[in-house]
Amino acid sequence: IRRIYYLYDIPAGESRGGHAHREL
């Protein structure tokens, strides 16, 4: 583990992510 973060208060019906990572 080298980084920690969190997602919160995401409005109803919304999405997050929508990506890929090369090495992570």
PDBML (XML) file of the C-alpha atoms, coordinates in Angstrom:
<?xml version="1.0" encoding="UTF-8" ?>
<PDBx:datablock datablockName="MODEL"
   xmlns:PDBx="http://pdbml.pdb.org/schema/pdbx-v50.xsd"
   xmlns:xsi="http://www.w3.org/2001/XMLSchema-instance"
   xsi:schemaLocation="http://pdbml.pdb.org/schema/pdbx-v50.xsd pdbx-v50.xsd">
   <PDBx:atom_siteCategory>
      <PDBx:atom_site id="1">
         <PDBx:B_iso_or_equiv>0.00</PDBx:B_iso_or_equiv>
         <PDBx:Cartn_x>0.000</PDBx:Cartn_x>
         <PDBx:Cartn_y>0.000</PDBx:Cartn_y>
         <PDBx:Cartn_z>0.000</PDBx:Cartn_z>
         <PDBx:auth_asym_id>A</PDBx:auth_asym_id>
         <PDBx:auth_atom_id>CA</PDBx:auth_atom_id>
         <PDBx:auth_comp_id>ILE</PDBx:auth_comp_id>
         <PDBx:auth_seq_id>1</PDBx:auth_seq_id>
         <PDBx:group_PDB>ATOM</PDBx:group_PDB>
         <PDBx:label_alt_id xsi:nil="true" />
         <PDBx:label_asym_id>A</PDBx:label_asym_id>
         <PDBx:label_atom_id>CA</PDBx:label_atom_id>
         <PDBx:label_comp_id>ILE</PDBx:label_comp_id>
         <PDBx:label_entity_id>1</PDBx:label_entity_id>
         <PDBx:label_seq_id>1</PDBx:label_seq_id>
         <PDBx:occupancy>1.00</PDBx:occupancy>
         <PDBx:pdbx_PDB_model_num>1</PDBx:pdbx_PDB_model_num>
         <PDBx:type_symbol>C</PDBx:type_symbol>
      </PDBx:atom_site>
      <PDBx:atom_site id="2">
         <PDBx:B_iso_or_equiv>0.00</PDBx:B_iso_or_equiv>
         <PDBx:Cartn_x>1.484</PDBx:Cartn_x>
         <PDBx:Cartn_y>3.328</PDBx:Cartn_y>
         <PDBx:Cartn_z>-1.142</PDBx:Cartn_z>
         <PDBx:auth_asym_id>A</PDBx:auth_asym_id>
         <PDBx:auth_atom_id>CA</PDBx:auth_atom_id>
         <PDBx:auth_comp_id>ARG</PDBx:auth_comp_id>
         <PDBx:auth_seq_id>2</PDBx:auth_seq_id>
         <PDBx:group_PDB>ATOM</PDBx:group_PDB>
         <PDBx:label_alt_id xsi:nil="true" />
         <PDBx:label_asym_id>A</PDBx:label_asym_id>
         <PDBx:label_atom_id>CA</PDBx:label_atom_id>
         <PDBx:label_comp_id>ARG</PDBx:label_comp_id>
         <PDBx:label_entity_id>1</PDBx:label_entity_id>
         <PDBx:label_seq_id>2</PDBx:label_seq_id>
         <PDBx:occupancy>1.00</PDBx:occupancy>
         <PDBx:pdbx_PDB_model_num>1</PDBx:pdbx_PDB_model_num>
         <PDBx:type_symbol>C</PDBx:type_symbol>
      </PDBx:atom_site>
      <PDBx:atom_site id="3">
         <PDBx:B_iso_or_equiv>0.00</PDBx:B_iso_or_equiv>
         <PDBx:Cartn_x>-1.629</PDBx:Cartn_x>
         <PDBx:Cartn_y>5.567</PDBx:Cartn_y>
         <PDBx:Cartn_z>-1.244</PDBx:Cartn_z>
         <PDBx:auth_asym_id>A</PDBx:auth_asym_id>
         <PDBx:auth_atom_id>CA</PDBx:auth_atom_id>
         <PDBx:auth_comp_id>ARG</PDBx:auth_comp_id>
         <PDBx:auth_seq_id>3</PDBx:auth_seq_id>
         <PDBx:group_PDB>ATOM</PDBx:group_PDB>
         <PDBx:label_alt_id xsi:nil="true" />
         <PDBx:label_asym_id>A</PDBx:label_asym_id>
         <PDBx:label_atom_id>CA</PDBx:label_atom_id>
         <PDBx:label_comp_id>ARG</PDBx:label_comp_id>
         <PDBx:label_entity_id>1</PDBx:label_entity_id>
         <PDBx:label_seq_id>3</PDBx:label_seq_id>
         <PDBx:occupancy>1.00</PDBx:occupancy>
         <PDBx:pdbx_PDB_model_num>1</PDBx:pdbx_PDB_model_num>
         <PDBx:type_symbol>C</PDBx:type_symbol>
      </PDBx:atom_site>
      <PDBx:atom_site id="4">
         <PDBx:B_iso_or_equiv>0.00</PDBx:B_iso_or_equiv>
         <PDBx:Cartn_x>-5.004</PDBx:Cartn_x>
         <PDBx:Cartn_y>5.681</PDBx:Cartn_y>
         <PDBx:Cartn_z>0.501</PDBx:Cartn_z>
         <PDBx:auth_asym_id>A</PDBx:auth_asym_id>
         <PDBx:auth_atom_id>CA</PDBx:auth_atom_id>
         <PDBx:auth_comp_id>ILE</PDBx:auth_comp_id>
         <PDBx:auth_seq_id>4</PDBx:auth_seq_id>
         <PDBx:group_PDB>ATOM</PDBx:group_PDB>
         <PDBx:label_alt_id xsi:nil="true" />
         <PDBx:label_asym_id>A</PDBx:label_asym_id>
         <PDBx:label_atom_id>CA</PDBx:label_atom_id>
         <PDBx:label_comp_id>ILE</PDBx:label_comp_id>
         <PDBx:label_entity_id>1</PDBx:label_entity_id>
         <PDBx:label_seq_id>4</PDBx:label_seq_id>
         <PDBx:occupancy>1.00</PDBx:occupancy>
         <PDBx:pdbx_PDB_model_num>1</PDBx:pdbx_PDB_model_num>
         <PDBx:type_symbol>C</PDBx:type_symbol>
      </PDBx:atom_site>
      <PDBx:atom_site id="5">
         <PDBx:B_iso_or_equiv>0.00</PDBx:B_iso_or_equiv>
         <PDBx:Cartn_x>-8.040</PDBx:Cartn_x>
         <PDBx:Cartn_y>7.802</PDBx:Cartn_y>
         <PDBx:Cartn_z>-0.369</PDBx:Cartn_z>
         <PDBx:auth_asym_id>A</PDBx:auth_asym_id>
         <PDBx:auth_atom_id>CA</PDBx:auth_atom_id>
         <PDBx:auth_comp_id>TYR</PDBx:auth_comp_id>
         <PDBx:auth_seq_id>5</PDBx:auth_seq_id>
         <PDBx:group_PDB>ATOM</PDBx:group_PDB>
         <PDBx:label_alt_id xsi:nil="true" />
         <PDBx:label_asym_id>A</PDBx:label_asym_id>
         <PDBx:label_atom_id>CA</PDBx:label_atom_id>
         <PDBx:label_comp_id>TYR</PDBx:label_comp_id>
         <PDBx:label_entity_id>1</PDBx:label_entity_id>
         <PDBx:label_seq_id>5</PDBx:label_seq_id>
         <PDBx:occupancy>1.00</PDBx:occupancy>
         <PDBx:pdbx_PDB_model_num>1</PDBx:pdbx_PDB_model_num>
         <PDBx:type_symbol>C</PDBx:type_symbol>
      </PDBx:atom_site>
      <PDBx:atom_site id="6">
         <PDBx:B_iso_or_equiv>0.00</PDBx:B_iso_or_equiv>
         <PDBx:Cartn_x>-11.806</PDBx:Cartn_x>
         <PDBx:Cartn_y>7.545</PDBx:Cartn_y>
         <PDBx:Cartn_z>-0.115</PDBx:Cartn_z>
         <PDBx:auth_asym_id>A</PDBx:auth_asym_id>
         <PDBx:auth_atom_id>CA</PDBx:auth_atom_id>
         <PDBx:auth_comp_id>TYR</PDBx:auth_comp_id>
         <PDBx:auth_seq_id>6</PDBx:auth_seq_id>
         <PDBx:group_PDB>ATOM</PDBx:group_PDB>
         <PDBx:label_alt_id xsi:nil="true" />
         <PDBx:label_asym_id>A</PDBx:label_asym_id>
         <PDBx:label_atom_id>CA</PDBx:label_atom_id>
         <PDBx:label_comp_id>TYR</PDBx:label_comp_id>
         <PDBx:label_entity_id>1</PDBx:label_entity_id>
         <PDBx:label_seq_id>6</PDBx:label_seq_id>
         <PDBx:occupancy>1.00</PDBx:occupancy>
         <PDBx:pdbx_PDB_model_num>1</PDBx:pdbx_PDB_model_num>
         <PDBx:type_symbol>C</PDBx:type_symbol>
      </PDBx:atom_site>
      <PDBx:atom_site id="7">
         <PDBx:B_iso_or_equiv>0.00</PDBx:B_iso_or_equiv>
         <PDBx:Cartn_x>-14.892</PDBx:Cartn_x>
         <PDBx:Cartn_y>8.519</PDBx:Cartn_y>
         <PDBx:Cartn_z>-2.065</PDBx:Cartn_z>
         <PDBx:auth_asym_id>A</PDBx:auth_asym_id>
         <PDBx:auth_atom_id>CA</PDBx:auth_atom_id>
         <PDBx:auth_comp_id>LEU</PDBx:auth_comp_id>
         <PDBx:auth_seq_id>7</PDBx:auth_seq_id>
         <PDBx:group_PDB>ATOM</PDBx:group_PDB>
         <PDBx:label_alt_id xsi:nil="true" />
         <PDBx:label_asym_id>A</PDBx:label_asym_id>
         <PDBx:label_atom_id>CA</PDBx:label_atom_id>
         <PDBx:label_comp_id>LEU</PDBx:label_comp_id>
         <PDBx:label_entity_id>1</PDBx:label_entity_id>
         <PDBx:label_seq_id>7</PDBx:label_seq_id>
         <PDBx:occupancy>1.00</PDBx:occupancy>
         <PDBx:pdbx_PDB_model_num>1</PDBx:pdbx_PDB_model_num>
         <PDBx:type_symbol>C</PDBx:type_symbol>
      </PDBx:atom_site>
      <PDBx:atom_site id="8">
         <PDBx:B_iso_or_equiv>0.00</PDBx:B_iso_or_equiv>
         <PDBx:Cartn_x>-18.047</PDBx:Cartn_x>
         <PDBx:Cartn_y>9.748</PDBx:Cartn_y>
         <PDBx:Cartn_z>-0.330</PDBx:Cartn_z>
         <PDBx:auth_asym_id>A</PDBx:auth_asym_id>
         <PDBx:auth_atom_id>CA</PDBx:auth_atom_id>
         <PDBx:auth_comp_id>TYR</PDBx:auth_comp_id>
         <PDBx:auth_seq_id>8</PDBx:auth_seq_id>
         <PDBx:group_PDB>ATOM</PDBx:group_PDB>
         <PDBx:label_alt_id xsi:nil="true" />
         <PDBx:label_asym_id>A</PDBx:label_asym_id>
         <PDBx:label_atom_id>CA</PDBx:label_atom_id>
         <PDBx:label_comp_id>TYR</PDBx:label_comp_id>
         <PDBx:label_entity_id>1</PDBx:label_entity_id>
         <PDBx:label_seq_id>8</PDBx:label_seq_id>
         <PDBx:occupancy>1.00</PDBx:occupancy>
         <PDBx:pdbx_PDB_model_num>1</PDBx:pdbx_PDB_model_num>
         <PDBx:type_symbol>C</PDBx:type_symbol>
      </PDBx:atom_site>
      <PDBx:atom_site id="9">
         <PDBx:B_iso_or_equiv>0.00</PDBx:B_iso_or_equiv>
         <PDBx:Cartn_x>-21.162</PDBx:Cartn_x>
         <PDBx:Cartn_y>11.893</PDBx:Cartn_y>
         <PDBx:Cartn_z>-0.811</PDBx:Cartn_z>
         <PDBx:auth_asym_id>A</PDBx:auth_asym_id>
         <PDBx:auth_atom_id>CA</PDBx:auth_atom_id>
         <PDBx:auth_comp_id>ASP</PDBx:auth_comp_id>
         <PDBx:auth_seq_id>9</PDBx:auth_seq_id>
         <PDBx:group_PDB>ATOM</PDBx:group_PDB>
         <PDBx:label_alt_id xsi:nil="true" />
         <PDBx:label_asym_id>A</PDBx:label_asym_id>
         <PDBx:label_atom_id>CA</PDBx:label_atom_id>
         <PDBx:label_comp_id>ASP</PDBx:label_comp_id>
         <PDBx:label_entity_id>1</PDBx:label_entity_id>
         <PDBx:label_seq_id>9</PDBx:label_seq_id>
         <PDBx:occupancy>1.00</PDBx:occupancy>
         <PDBx:pdbx_PDB_model_num>1</PDBx:pdbx_PDB_model_num>
         <PDBx:type_symbol>C</PDBx:type_symbol>
      </PDBx:atom_site>
      <PDBx:atom_site id="10">
         <PDBx:B_iso_or_equiv>0.00</PDBx:B_iso_or_equiv>
         <PDBx:Cartn_x>-21.645</PDBx:Cartn_x>
         <PDBx:Cartn_y>10.515</PDBx:Cartn_y>
         <PDBx:Cartn_z>-4.327</PDBx:Cartn_z>
         <PDBx:auth_asym_id>A</PDBx:auth_asym_id>
         <PDBx:auth_atom_id>CA</PDBx:auth_atom_id>
         <PDBx:auth_comp_id>ILE</PDBx:auth_comp_id>
         <PDBx:auth_seq_id>10</PDBx:auth_seq_id>
         <PDBx:group_PDB>ATOM</PDBx:group_PDB>
         <PDBx:label_alt_id xsi:nil="true" />
         <PDBx:label_asym_id>A</PDBx:label_asym_id>
         <PDBx:label_atom_id>CA</PDBx:label_atom_id>
         <PDBx:label_comp_id>ILE</PDBx:label_comp_id>
         <PDBx:label_entity_id>1</PDBx:label_entity_id>
         <PDBx:label_seq_id>10</PDBx:label_seq_id>
         <PDBx:occupancy>1.00</PDBx:occupancy>
         <PDBx:pdbx_PDB_model_num>1</PDBx:pdbx_PDB_model_num>
         <PDBx:type_symbol>C</PDBx:type_symbol>
      </PDBx:atom_site>
      <PDBx:atom_site id="11">
         <PDBx:B_iso_or_equiv>0.00</PDBx:B_iso_or_equiv>
         <PDBx:Cartn_x>-25.026</PDBx:Cartn_x>
         <PDBx:Cartn_y>11.827</PDBx:Cartn_y>
         <PDBx:Cartn_z>-5.567</PDBx:Cartn_z>
         <PDBx:auth_asym_id>A</PDBx:auth_asym_id>
         <PDBx:auth_atom_id>CA</PDBx:auth_atom_id>
         <PDBx:auth_comp_id>PRO</PDBx:auth_comp_id>
         <PDBx:auth_seq_id>11</PDBx:auth_seq_id>
         <PDBx:group_PDB>ATOM</PDBx:group_PDB>
         <PDBx:label_alt_id xsi:nil="true" />
         <PDBx:label_asym_id>A</PDBx:label_asym_id>
         <PDBx:label_atom_id>CA</PDBx:label_atom_id>
         <PDBx:label_comp_id>PRO</PDBx:label_comp_id>
         <PDBx:label_entity_id>1</PDBx:label_entity_id>
         <PDBx:label_seq_id>11</PDBx:label_seq_id>
         <PDBx:occupancy>1.00</PDBx:occupancy>
         <PDBx:pdbx_PDB_model_num>1</PDBx:pdbx_PDB_model_num>
         <PDBx:type_symbol>C</PDBx:type_symbol>
      </PDBx:atom_site>
      <PDBx:atom_site id="12">
         <PDBx:B_iso_or_equiv>0.00</PDBx:B_iso_or_equiv>
         <PDBx:Cartn_x>-27.744</PDBx:Cartn_x>
         <PDBx:Cartn_y>9.277</PDBx:Cartn_y>
         <PDBx:Cartn_z>-6.359</PDBx:Cartn_z>
         <PDBx:auth_asym_id>A</PDBx:auth_asym_id>
         <PDBx:auth_atom_id>CA</PDBx:auth_atom_id>
         <PDBx:auth_comp_id>ALA</PDBx:auth_comp_id>
         <PDBx:auth_seq_id>12</PDBx:auth_seq_id>
         <PDBx:group_PDB>ATOM</PDBx:group_PDB>
         <PDBx:label_alt_id xsi:nil="true" />
         <PDBx:label_asym_id>A</PDBx:label_asym_id>
         <PDBx:label_atom_id>CA</PDBx:label_atom_id>
         <PDBx:label_comp_id>ALA</PDBx:label_comp_id>
         <PDBx:label_entity_id>1</PDBx:label_entity_id>
         <PDBx:label_seq_id>12</PDBx:label_seq_id>
         <PDBx:occupancy>1.00</PDBx:occupancy>
         <PDBx:pdbx_PDB_model_num>1</PDBx:pdbx_PDB_model_num>
         <PDBx:type_symbol>C</PDBx:type_symbol>
      </PDBx:atom_site>
      <PDBx:atom_site id="13">
         <PDBx:B_iso_or_equiv>0.00</PDBx:B_iso_or_equiv>
         <PDBx:Cartn_x>-27.446</PDBx:Cartn_x>
         <PDBx:Cartn_y>7.880</PDBx:Cartn_y>
         <PDBx:Cartn_z>-9.879</PDBx:Cartn_z>
         <PDBx:auth_asym_id>A</PDBx:auth_asym_id>
         <PDBx:auth_atom_id>CA</PDBx:auth_atom_id>
         <PDBx:auth_comp_id>GLY</PDBx:auth_comp_id>
         <PDBx:auth_seq_id>13</PDBx:auth_seq_id>
         <PDBx:group_PDB>ATOM</PDBx:group_PDB>
         <PDBx:label_alt_id xsi:nil="true" />
         <PDBx:label_asym_id>A</PDBx:label_asym_id>
         <PDBx:label_atom_id>CA</PDBx:label_atom_id>
         <PDBx:label_comp_id>GLY</PDBx:label_comp_id>
         <PDBx:label_entity_id>1</PDBx:label_entity_id>
         <PDBx:label_seq_id>13</PDBx:label_seq_id>
         <PDBx:occupancy>1.00</PDBx:occupancy>
         <PDBx:pdbx_PDB_model_num>1</PDBx:pdbx_PDB_model_num>
         <PDBx:type_symbol>C</PDBx:type_symbol>
      </PDBx:atom_site>
      <PDBx:atom_site id="14">
         <PDBx:B_iso_or_equiv>0.00</PDBx:B_iso_or_equiv>
         <PDBx:Cartn_x>-23.829</PDBx:Cartn_x>
         <PDBx:Cartn_y>9.013</PDBx:Cartn_y>
         <PDBx:Cartn_z>-10.368</PDBx:Cartn_z>
         <PDBx:auth_asym_id>A</PDBx:auth_asym_id>
         <PDBx:auth_atom_id>CA</PDBx:auth_atom_id>
         <PDBx:auth_comp_id>GLU</PDBx:auth_comp_id>
         <PDBx:auth_seq_id>14</PDBx:auth_seq_id>
         <PDBx:group_PDB>ATOM</PDBx:group_PDB>
         <PDBx:label_alt_id xsi:nil="true" />
         <PDBx:label_asym_id>A</PDBx:label_asym_id>
         <PDBx:label_atom_id>CA</PDBx:label_atom_id>
         <PDBx:label_comp_id>GLU</PDBx:label_comp_id>
         <PDBx:label_entity_id>1</PDBx:label_entity_id>
         <PDBx:label_seq_id>14</PDBx:label_seq_id>
         <PDBx:occupancy>1.00</PDBx:occupancy>
         <PDBx:pdbx_PDB_model_num>1</PDBx:pdbx_PDB_model_num>
         <PDBx:type_symbol>C</PDBx:type_symbol>
      </PDBx:atom_site>
      <PDBx:atom_site id="15">
         <PDBx:B_iso_or_equiv>0.00</PDBx:B_iso_or_equiv>
         <PDBx:Cartn_x>-20.887</PDBx:Cartn_x>
         <PDBx:Cartn_y>6.718</PDBx:Cartn_y>
         <PDBx:Cartn_z>-11.113</PDBx:Cartn_z>
         <PDBx:auth_asym_id>A</PDBx:auth_asym_id>
         <PDBx:auth_atom_id>CA</PDBx:auth_atom_id>
         <PDBx:auth_comp_id>SER</PDBx:auth_comp_id>
         <PDBx:auth_seq_id>15</PDBx:auth_seq_id>
         <PDBx:group_PDB>ATOM</PDBx:group_PDB>
         <PDBx:label_alt_id xsi:nil="true" />
         <PDBx:label_asym_id>A</PDBx:label_asym_id>
         <PDBx:label_atom_id>CA</PDBx:label_atom_id>
         <PDBx:label_comp_id>SER</PDBx:label_comp_id>
         <PDBx:label_entity_id>1</PDBx:label_entity_id>
         <PDBx:label_seq_id>15</PDBx:label_seq_id>
         <PDBx:occupancy>1.00</PDBx:occupancy>
         <PDBx:pdbx_PDB_model_num>1</PDBx:pdbx_PDB_model_num>
         <PDBx:type_symbol>C</PDBx:type_symbol>
      </PDBx:atom_site>
      <PDBx:atom_site id="16">
         <PDBx:B_iso_or_equiv>0.00</PDBx:B_iso_or_equiv>
         <PDBx:Cartn_x>-17.165</PDBx:Cartn_x>
         <PDBx:Cartn_y>6.926</PDBx:Cartn_y>
         <PDBx:Cartn_z>-10.422</PDBx:Cartn_z>
         <PDBx:auth_asym_id>A</PDBx:auth_asym_id>
         <PDBx:auth_atom_id>CA</PDBx:auth_atom_id>
         <PDBx:auth_comp_id>ARG</PDBx:auth_comp_id>
         <PDBx:auth_seq_id>16</PDBx:auth_seq_id>
         <PDBx:group_PDB>ATOM</PDBx:group_PDB>
         <PDBx:label_alt_id xsi:nil="true" />
         <PDBx:label_asym_id>A</PDBx:label_asym_id>
         <PDBx:label_atom_id>CA</PDBx:label_atom_id>
         <PDBx:label_comp_id>ARG</PDBx:label_comp_id>
         <PDBx:label_entity_id>1</PDBx:label_entity_id>
         <PDBx:label_seq_id>16</PDBx:label_seq_id>
         <PDBx:occupancy>1.00</PDBx:occupancy>
         <PDBx:pdbx_PDB_model_num>1</PDBx:pdbx_PDB_model_num>
         <PDBx:type_symbol>C</PDBx:type_symbol>
      </PDBx:atom_site>
      <PDBx:atom_site id="17">
         <PDBx:B_iso_or_equiv>0.00</PDBx:B_iso_or_equiv>
         <PDBx:Cartn_x>-14.134</PDBx:Cartn_x>
         <PDBx:Cartn_y>5.285</PDBx:Cartn_y>
         <PDBx:Cartn_z>-11.956</PDBx:Cartn_z>
         <PDBx:auth_asym_id>A</PDBx:auth_asym_id>
         <PDBx:auth_atom_id>CA</PDBx:auth_atom_id>
         <PDBx:auth_comp_id>GLY</PDBx:auth_comp_id>
         <PDBx:auth_seq_id>17</PDBx:auth_seq_id>
         <PDBx:group_PDB>ATOM</PDBx:group_PDB>
         <PDBx:label_alt_id xsi:nil="true" />
         <PDBx:label_asym_id>A</PDBx:label_asym_id>
         <PDBx:label_atom_id>CA</PDBx:label_atom_id>
         <PDBx:label_comp_id>GLY</PDBx:label_comp_id>
         <PDBx:label_entity_id>1</PDBx:label_entity_id>
         <PDBx:label_seq_id>17</PDBx:label_seq_id>
         <PDBx:occupancy>1.00</PDBx:occupancy>
         <PDBx:pdbx_PDB_model_num>1</PDBx:pdbx_PDB_model_num>
         <PDBx:type_symbol>C</PDBx:type_symbol>
      </PDBx:atom_site>
      <PDBx:atom_site id="18">
         <PDBx:B_iso_or_equiv>0.00</PDBx:B_iso_or_equiv>
         <PDBx:Cartn_x>-14.573</PDBx:Cartn_x>
         <PDBx:Cartn_y>4.889</PDBx:Cartn_y>
         <PDBx:Cartn_z>-15.684</PDBx:Cartn_z>
         <PDBx:auth_asym_id>A</PDBx:auth_asym_id>
         <PDBx:auth_atom_id>CA</PDBx:auth_atom_id>
         <PDBx:auth_comp_id>GLY</PDBx:auth_comp_id>
         <PDBx:auth_seq_id>18</PDBx:auth_seq_id>
         <PDBx:group_PDB>ATOM</PDBx:group_PDB>
         <PDBx:label_alt_id xsi:nil="true" />
         <PDBx:label_asym_id>A</PDBx:label_asym_id>
         <PDBx:label_atom_id>CA</PDBx:label_atom_id>
         <PDBx:label_comp_id>GLY</PDBx:label_comp_id>
         <PDBx:label_entity_id>1</PDBx:label_entity_id>
         <PDBx:label_seq_id>18</PDBx:label_seq_id>
         <PDBx:occupancy>1.00</PDBx:occupancy>
         <PDBx:pdbx_PDB_model_num>1</PDBx:pdbx_PDB_model_num>
         <PDBx:type_symbol>C</PDBx:type_symbol>
      </PDBx:atom_site>
      <PDBx:atom_site id="19">
         <PDBx:B_iso_or_equiv>0.00</PDBx:B_iso_or_equiv>
         <PDBx:Cartn_x>-10.867</PDBx:Cartn_x>
         <PDBx:Cartn_y>4.233</PDBx:Cartn_y>
         <PDBx:Cartn_z>-16.225</PDBx:Cartn_z>
         <PDBx:auth_asym_id>A</PDBx:auth_asym_id>
         <PDBx:auth_atom_id>CA</PDBx:auth_atom_id>
         <PDBx:auth_comp_id>HIS</PDBx:auth_comp_id>
         <PDBx:auth_seq_id>19</PDBx:auth_seq_id>
         <PDBx:group_PDB>ATOM</PDBx:group_PDB>
         <PDBx:label_alt_id xsi:nil="true" />
         <PDBx:label_asym_id>A</PDBx:label_asym_id>
         <PDBx:label_atom_id>CA</PDBx:label_atom_id>
         <PDBx:label_comp_id>HIS</PDBx:label_comp_id>
         <PDBx:label_entity_id>1</PDBx:label_entity_id>
         <PDBx:label_seq_id>19</PDBx:label_seq_id>
         <PDBx:occupancy>1.00</PDBx:occupancy>
         <PDBx:pdbx_PDB_model_num>1</PDBx:pdbx_PDB_model_num>
         <PDBx:type_symbol>C</PDBx:type_symbol>
      </PDBx:atom_site>
      <PDBx:atom_site id="20">
         <PDBx:B_iso_or_equiv>0.00</PDBx:B_iso_or_equiv>
         <PDBx:Cartn_x>-8.109</PDBx:Cartn_x>
         <PDBx:Cartn_y>1.617</PDBx:Cartn_y>
         <PDBx:Cartn_z>-16.163</PDBx:Cartn_z>
         <PDBx:auth_asym_id>A</PDBx:auth_asym_id>
         <PDBx:auth_atom_id>CA</PDBx:auth_atom_id>
         <PDBx:auth_comp_id>ALA</PDBx:auth_comp_id>
         <PDBx:auth_seq_id>20</PDBx:auth_seq_id>
         <PDBx:group_PDB>ATOM</PDBx:group_PDB>
         <PDBx:label_alt_id xsi:nil="true" />
         <PDBx:label_asym_id>A</PDBx:label_asym_id>
         <PDBx:label_atom_id>CA</PDBx:label_atom_id>
         <PDBx:label_comp_id>ALA</PDBx:label_comp_id>
         <PDBx:label_entity_id>1</PDBx:label_entity_id>
         <PDBx:label_seq_id>20</PDBx:label_seq_id>
         <PDBx:occupancy>1.00</PDBx:occupancy>
         <PDBx:pdbx_PDB_model_num>1</PDBx:pdbx_PDB_model_num>
         <PDBx:type_symbol>C</PDBx:type_symbol>
      </PDBx:atom_site>
      <PDBx:atom_site id="21">
         <PDBx:B_iso_or_equiv>0.00</PDBx:B_iso_or_equiv>
         <PDBx:Cartn_x>-4.591</PDBx:Cartn_x>
         <PDBx:Cartn_y>1.704</PDBx:Cartn_y>
         <PDBx:Cartn_z>-14.754</PDBx:Cartn_z>
         <PDBx:auth_asym_id>A</PDBx:auth_asym_id>
         <PDBx:auth_atom_id>CA</PDBx:auth_atom_id>
         <PDBx:auth_comp_id>HIS</PDBx:auth_comp_id>
         <PDBx:auth_seq_id>21</PDBx:auth_seq_id>
         <PDBx:group_PDB>ATOM</PDBx:group_PDB>
         <PDBx:label_alt_id xsi:nil="true" />
         <PDBx:label_asym_id>A</PDBx:label_asym_id>
         <PDBx:label_atom_id>CA</PDBx:label_atom_id>
         <PDBx:label_comp_id>HIS</PDBx:label_comp_id>
         <PDBx:label_entity_id>1</PDBx:label_entity_id>
         <PDBx:label_seq_id>21</PDBx:label_seq_id>
         <PDBx:occupancy>1.00</PDBx:occupancy>
         <PDBx:pdbx_PDB_model_num>1</PDBx:pdbx_PDB_model_num>
         <PDBx:type_symbol>C</PDBx:type_symbol>
      </PDBx:atom_site>
      <PDBx:atom_site id="22">
         <PDBx:B_iso_or_equiv>0.00</PDBx:B_iso_or_equiv>
         <PDBx:Cartn_x>-1.385</PDBx:Cartn_x>
         <PDBx:Cartn_y>0.816</PDBx:Cartn_y>
         <PDBx:Cartn_z>-16.555</PDBx:Cartn_z>
         <PDBx:auth_asym_id>A</PDBx:auth_asym_id>
         <PDBx:auth_atom_id>CA</PDBx:auth_atom_id>
         <PDBx:auth_comp_id>ARG</PDBx:auth_comp_id>
         <PDBx:auth_seq_id>22</PDBx:auth_seq_id>
         <PDBx:group_PDB>ATOM</PDBx:group_PDB>
         <PDBx:label_alt_id xsi:nil="true" />
         <PDBx:label_asym_id>A</PDBx:label_asym_id>
         <PDBx:label_atom_id>CA</PDBx:label_atom_id>
         <PDBx:label_comp_id>ARG</PDBx:label_comp_id>
         <PDBx:label_entity_id>1</PDBx:label_entity_id>
         <PDBx:label_seq_id>22</PDBx:label_seq_id>
         <PDBx:occupancy>1.00</PDBx:occupancy>
         <PDBx:pdbx_PDB_model_num>1</PDBx:pdbx_PDB_model_num>
         <PDBx:type_symbol>C</PDBx:type_symbol>
      </PDBx:atom_site>
      <PDBx:atom_site id="23">
         <PDBx:B_iso_or_equiv>0.00</PDBx:B_iso_or_equiv>
         <PDBx:Cartn_x>0.517</PDBx:Cartn_x>
         <PDBx:Cartn_y>-0.685</PDBx:Cartn_y>
         <PDBx:Cartn_z>-13.582</PDBx:Cartn_z>
         <PDBx:auth_asym_id>A</PDBx:auth_asym_id>
         <PDBx:auth_atom_id>CA</PDBx:auth_atom_id>
         <PDBx:auth_comp_id>GLU</PDBx:auth_comp_id>
         <PDBx:auth_seq_id>23</PDBx:auth_seq_id>
         <PDBx:group_PDB>ATOM</PDBx:group_PDB>
         <PDBx:label_alt_id xsi:nil="true" />
         <PDBx:label_asym_id>A</PDBx:label_asym_id>
         <PDBx:label_atom_id>CA</PDBx:label_atom_id>
         <PDBx:label_comp_id>GLU</PDBx:label_comp_id>
         <PDBx:label_entity_id>1</PDBx:label_entity_id>
         <PDBx:label_seq_id>23</PDBx:label_seq_id>
         <PDBx:occupancy>1.00</PDBx:occupancy>
         <PDBx:pdbx_PDB_model_num>1</PDBx:pdbx_PDB_model_num>
         <PDBx:type_symbol>C</PDBx:type_symbol>
      </PDBx:atom_site>
      <PDBx:atom_site id="24">
         <PDBx:B_iso_or_equiv>0.00</PDBx:B_iso_or_equiv>
         <PDBx:Cartn_x>-1.383</PDBx:Cartn_x>
         <PDBx:Cartn_y>0.250</PDBx:Cartn_y>
         <PDBx:Cartn_z>-10.430</PDBx:Cartn_z>
         <PDBx:auth_asym_id>A</PDBx:auth_asym_id>
         <PDBx:auth_atom_id>CA</PDBx:auth_atom_id>
         <PDBx:auth_comp_id>LEU</PDBx:auth_comp_id>
         <PDBx:auth_seq_id>24</PDBx:auth_seq_id>
         <PDBx:group_PDB>ATOM</PDBx:group_PDB>
         <PDBx:label_alt_id xsi:nil="true" />
         <PDBx:label_asym_id>A</PDBx:label_asym_id>
         <PDBx:label_atom_id>CA</PDBx:label_atom_id>
         <PDBx:label_comp_id>LEU</PDBx:label_comp_id>
         <PDBx:label_entity_id>1</PDBx:label_entity_id>
         <PDBx:label_seq_id>24</PDBx:label_seq_id>
         <PDBx:occupancy>1.00</PDBx:occupancy>
         <PDBx:pdbx_PDB_model_num>1</PDBx:pdbx_PDB_model_num>
         <PDBx:type_symbol>C</PDBx:type_symbol>
      </PDBx:atom_site>
   </PDBx:atom_siteCategory>
</PDBx:datablock>
